[in-house]
Amino acid sequence: MLPCNLSTAPPSRRWCRRGSRDGQVDILIANAGITRDNLFVQCATRTGTTVINVNLTATFRLARAATKLMMRKRFGASSRSPRSVGVTGNPGQANYTASKAGLIGR
């Protein structure tokens, strides 16, 4: 297992290879997520962008990089955790809800 700060470094195939003994990925569990709750009209663009980048964009990049390695090996499994809030929404969580809805629409 290799931890990574998804808010600062976009995941890549090189990062995925570093985290394994044989340079391959067998299982990906993408359950990273951050919240920056606030009323929608008071949510700064920068804050919303940070939540989308960690919860959605980094998960997409990580899944894409891991899938390429799994395809070469013809073995692997991937799991993402979109949460029900992506469908129902929560007060004060517009950015978080949008990022989780994006995972549902994969």
C-alpha atoms as a PDB file:
ATOM      1  CA  MET A   1       0.000   0.000   0.000  1.00  0.00           C
ATOM      2  CA  LEU A   2       1.332   3.408  -0.961  1.00  0.00           C
ATOM      3  CA  PRO A   3      -0.266   6.551   0.472  1.00  0.00           C
ATOM      4  CA  CYS A   4      -0.343   9.686  -1.637  1.00  0.00           C
ATOM      5  CA  ASN A   5      -1.504  13.252  -1.088  1.00  0.00           C
ATOM      6  CA  LEU A   6      -3.921  13.584  -3.992  1.00  0.00           C
ATOM      7  CA  SER A   7      -4.324  17.312  -3.453  1.00  0.00           C
ATOM      8  CA  THR A   8      -0.746  18.044  -4.482  1.00  0.00           C
ATOM      9  CA  ALA A   9       0.442  15.276  -6.801  1.00  0.00           C
ATOM     10  CA  PRO A  10      -1.604  13.855  -9.656  1.00  0.00           C
ATOM     11  CA  PRO A  11      -1.317  10.055  -9.668  1.00  0.00           C
ATOM     12  CA  SER A  12       0.446   8.416 -12.566  1.00  0.00           C
ATOM     13  CA  ARG A  13       1.537   4.981 -13.769  1.00  0.00           C
ATOM     14  CA  ARG A  14       4.963   5.640 -12.262  1.00  0.00           C
ATOM     15  CA  TRP A  15       3.329   6.341  -8.892  1.00  0.00           C
ATOM     16  CA  CYS A  16       1.270   3.127  -9.189  1.00  0.00           C
ATOM     17  CA  ARG A  17       4.363   1.075 -10.004  1.00  0.00           C
ATOM     18  CA  ARG A  18       6.255   2.500  -7.015  1.00  0.00           C
ATOM     19  CA  GLY A  19       3.590   1.189  -4.665  1.00  0.00           C
ATOM     20  CA  SER A  20       3.938  -2.461  -5.590  1.00  0.00           C
ATOM     21  CA  ARG A  21       6.601  -5.138  -5.312  1.00  0.00           C
ATOM     22  CA  ASP A  22       6.510  -6.278  -8.948  1.00  0.00           C
ATOM     23  CA  GLY A  23       5.629  -2.976 -10.608  1.00  0.00           C
ATOM     24  CA  GLN A  24       2.001  -4.000 -11.028  1.00  0.00           C
ATOM     25  CA  VAL A  25      -1.306  -3.152  -9.446  1.00  0.00           C
ATOM     26  CA  ASP A  26      -3.724  -5.964  -8.586  1.00  0.00           C
ATOM     27  CA  ILE A  27      -6.383  -4.045  -6.652  1.00  0.00           C
ATOM     28  CA  LEU A  28      -7.313  -0.371  -6.588  1.00  0.00           C
ATOM     29  CA  ILE A  29      -9.557   0.947  -3.849  1.00  0.00           C
ATOM     30  CA  ALA A  30     -10.139   4.618  -4.567  1.00  0.00           C
ATOM     31  CA  ASN A  31     -11.839   5.992  -1.479  1.00  0.00           C
ATOM     32  CA  ALA A  32     -10.077   9.313  -1.007  1.00  0.00           C
ATOM     33  CA  GLY A  33     -12.266  12.281  -0.325  1.00  0.00           C
ATOM     34  CA  ILE A  34     -12.236  15.700   1.267  1.00  0.00           C
ATOM     35  CA  THR A  35     -15.035  18.048   2.249  1.00  0.00           C
ATOM     36  CA  ARG A  36     -15.101  21.814   2.441  1.00  0.00           C
ATOM     37  CA  ASP A  37     -18.684  22.415   3.556  1.00  0.00           C
ATOM     38  CA  ASN A  38     -20.244  25.827   3.119  1.00  0.00           C
ATOM     39  CA  LEU A  39     -23.410  27.376   1.787  1.00  0.00           C
ATOM     40  CA  PHE A  40     -23.412  27.199  -2.004  1.00  0.00           C
ATOM     41  CA  VAL A  41     -23.448  30.969  -2.486  1.00  0.00           C
ATOM     42  CA  GLN A  42     -20.533  31.359  -0.048  1.00  0.00           C
ATOM     43  CA  CYS A  43     -18.396  28.566  -1.506  1.00  0.00           C
ATOM     44  CA  ALA A  44     -15.265  30.005  -3.086  1.00  0.00           C
ATOM     45  CA  THR A  45     -14.347  28.780  -6.564  1.00  0.00           C
ATOM     46  CA  ARG A  46     -10.914  27.760  -5.283  1.00  0.00           C
ATOM     47  CA  THR A  47     -12.471  25.613  -2.552  1.00  0.00           C
ATOM     48  CA  GLY A  48     -14.828  23.911  -4.993  1.00  0.00           C
ATOM     49  CA  THR A  49     -11.982  23.263  -7.393  1.00  0.00           C
ATOM     50  CA  THR A  50      -9.880  21.663  -4.650  1.00  0.00           C
ATOM     51  CA  VAL A  51     -12.696  19.274  -3.704  1.00  0.00           C
ATOM     52  CA  ILE A  52     -13.345  18.339  -7.364  1.00  0.00           C
ATOM     53  CA  ASN A  53      -9.607  17.842  -7.998  1.00  0.00           C
ATOM     54  CA  VAL A  54      -9.130  15.452  -5.072  1.00  0.00           C
ATOM     55  CA  ASN A  55     -12.442  13.594  -5.114  1.00  0.00           C
ATOM     56  CA  LEU A  56     -13.034  13.288  -8.857  1.00  0.00           C
ATOM     57  CA  THR A  57     -10.061  14.248 -11.024  1.00  0.00           C
ATOM     58  CA  ALA A  58      -7.423  12.425  -8.951  1.00  0.00           C
ATOM     59  CA  THR A  59      -9.653   9.345  -8.729  1.00  0.00           C
ATOM     60  CA  PHE A  60     -10.089   9.383 -12.526  1.00  0.00           C
ATOM     61  CA  ARG A  61      -6.336   9.703 -13.116  1.00  0.00           C
ATOM     62  CA  LEU A  62      -5.506   7.031 -10.560  1.00  0.00           C
ATOM     63  CA  ALA A  63      -8.071   4.594 -11.991  1.00  0.00           C
ATOM     64  CA  ARG A  64      -6.813   5.217 -15.537  1.00  0.00           C
ATOM     65  CA  ALA A  65      -3.178   4.634 -14.564  1.00  0.00           C
ATOM     66  CA  ALA A  66      -3.957   1.507 -12.547  1.00  0.00           C
ATOM     67  CA  THR A  67      -6.250   0.102 -15.245  1.00  0.00           C
ATOM     68  CA  LYS A  68      -3.505   0.345 -17.873  1.00  0.00           C
ATOM     69  CA  LEU A  69      -1.209  -1.705 -15.639  1.00  0.00           C
ATOM     70  CA  MET A  70      -3.972  -4.224 -14.864  1.00  0.00           C
ATOM     71  CA  MET A  71      -4.782  -4.633 -18.562  1.00  0.00           C
ATOM     72  CA  ARG A  72      -1.187  -5.541 -19.360  1.00  0.00           C
ATOM     73  CA  LYS A  73      -1.264  -8.176 -16.645  1.00  0.00           C
ATOM     74  CA  ARG A  74      -4.791  -9.272 -17.642  1.00  0.00           C
ATOM     75  CA  PHE A  75      -5.720  -9.240 -13.975  1.00  0.00           C
ATOM     76  CA  GLY A  76      -7.017  -6.709 -11.490  1.00  0.00           C
ATOM     77  CA  ALA A  77      -9.975  -5.191  -9.717  1.00  0.00           C
ATOM     78  CA  SER A  78     -11.043  -1.627  -9.059  1.00  0.00           C
ATOM     79  CA  SER A  79     -13.455  -0.152  -6.535  1.00  0.00           C
ATOM     80  CA  ARG A  80     -14.590   3.444  -6.142  1.00  0.00           C
ATOM     81  CA  SER A  81     -16.786   4.886  -3.410  1.00  0.00           C
ATOM     82  CA  PRO A  82     -19.170   7.444  -4.914  1.00  0.00           C
ATOM     83  CA  ARG A  83     -21.478   7.660  -1.841  1.00  0.00           C
ATOM     84  CA  SER A  84     -25.235   8.163  -1.972  1.00  0.00           C
ATOM     85  CA  VAL A  85     -24.769  11.910  -1.487  1.00  0.00           C
ATOM     86  CA  GLY A  86     -23.889  12.027  -5.196  1.00  0.00           C
ATOM     87  CA  VAL A  87     -27.548  11.292  -5.899  1.00  0.00           C
ATOM     88  CA  THR A  88     -29.375  12.869  -2.972  1.00  0.00           C
ATOM     89  CA  GLY A  89     -27.164  15.818  -2.043  1.00  0.00           C
ATOM     90  CA  ASN A  90     -26.641  17.351   1.389  1.00  0.00           C
ATOM     91  CA  PRO A  91     -27.113  20.923   2.564  1.00  0.00           C
ATOM     92  CA  GLY A  92     -23.829  22.816   2.438  1.00  0.00           C
ATOM     93  CA  GLN A  93     -22.058  20.197   0.331  1.00  0.00           C
ATOM     94  CA  ALA A  94     -22.565  21.298  -3.273  1.00  0.00           C
ATOM     95  CA  ASN A  95     -18.910  20.769  -4.243  1.00  0.00           C
ATOM     96  CA  TYR A  96     -18.666  17.395  -2.472  1.00  0.00           C
ATOM     97  CA  THR A  97     -21.972  16.243  -3.990  1.00  0.00           C
ATOM     98  CA  ALA A  98     -20.805  17.240  -7.483  1.00  0.00           C
ATOM     99  CA  SER A  99     -17.539  15.323  -7.090  1.00  0.00           C
ATOM    100  CA  LYS A 100     -19.304  12.156  -5.901  1.00  0.00           C
ATOM    101  CA  ALA A 101     -21.964  12.443  -8.649  1.00  0.00           C
ATOM    102  CA  GLY A 102     -19.110  12.455 -11.161  1.00  0.00           C
ATOM    103  CA  LEU A 103     -17.930   9.103  -9.813  1.00  0.00           C
ATOM    104  CA  ILE A 104     -21.411   7.634 -10.204  1.00  0.00           C
ATOM    105  CA  GLY A 105     -21.449   8.683 -13.854  1.00  0.00           C
ATOM    106  CA  ARG A 106     -18.234   6.859 -14.681  1.00  0.00           C
END
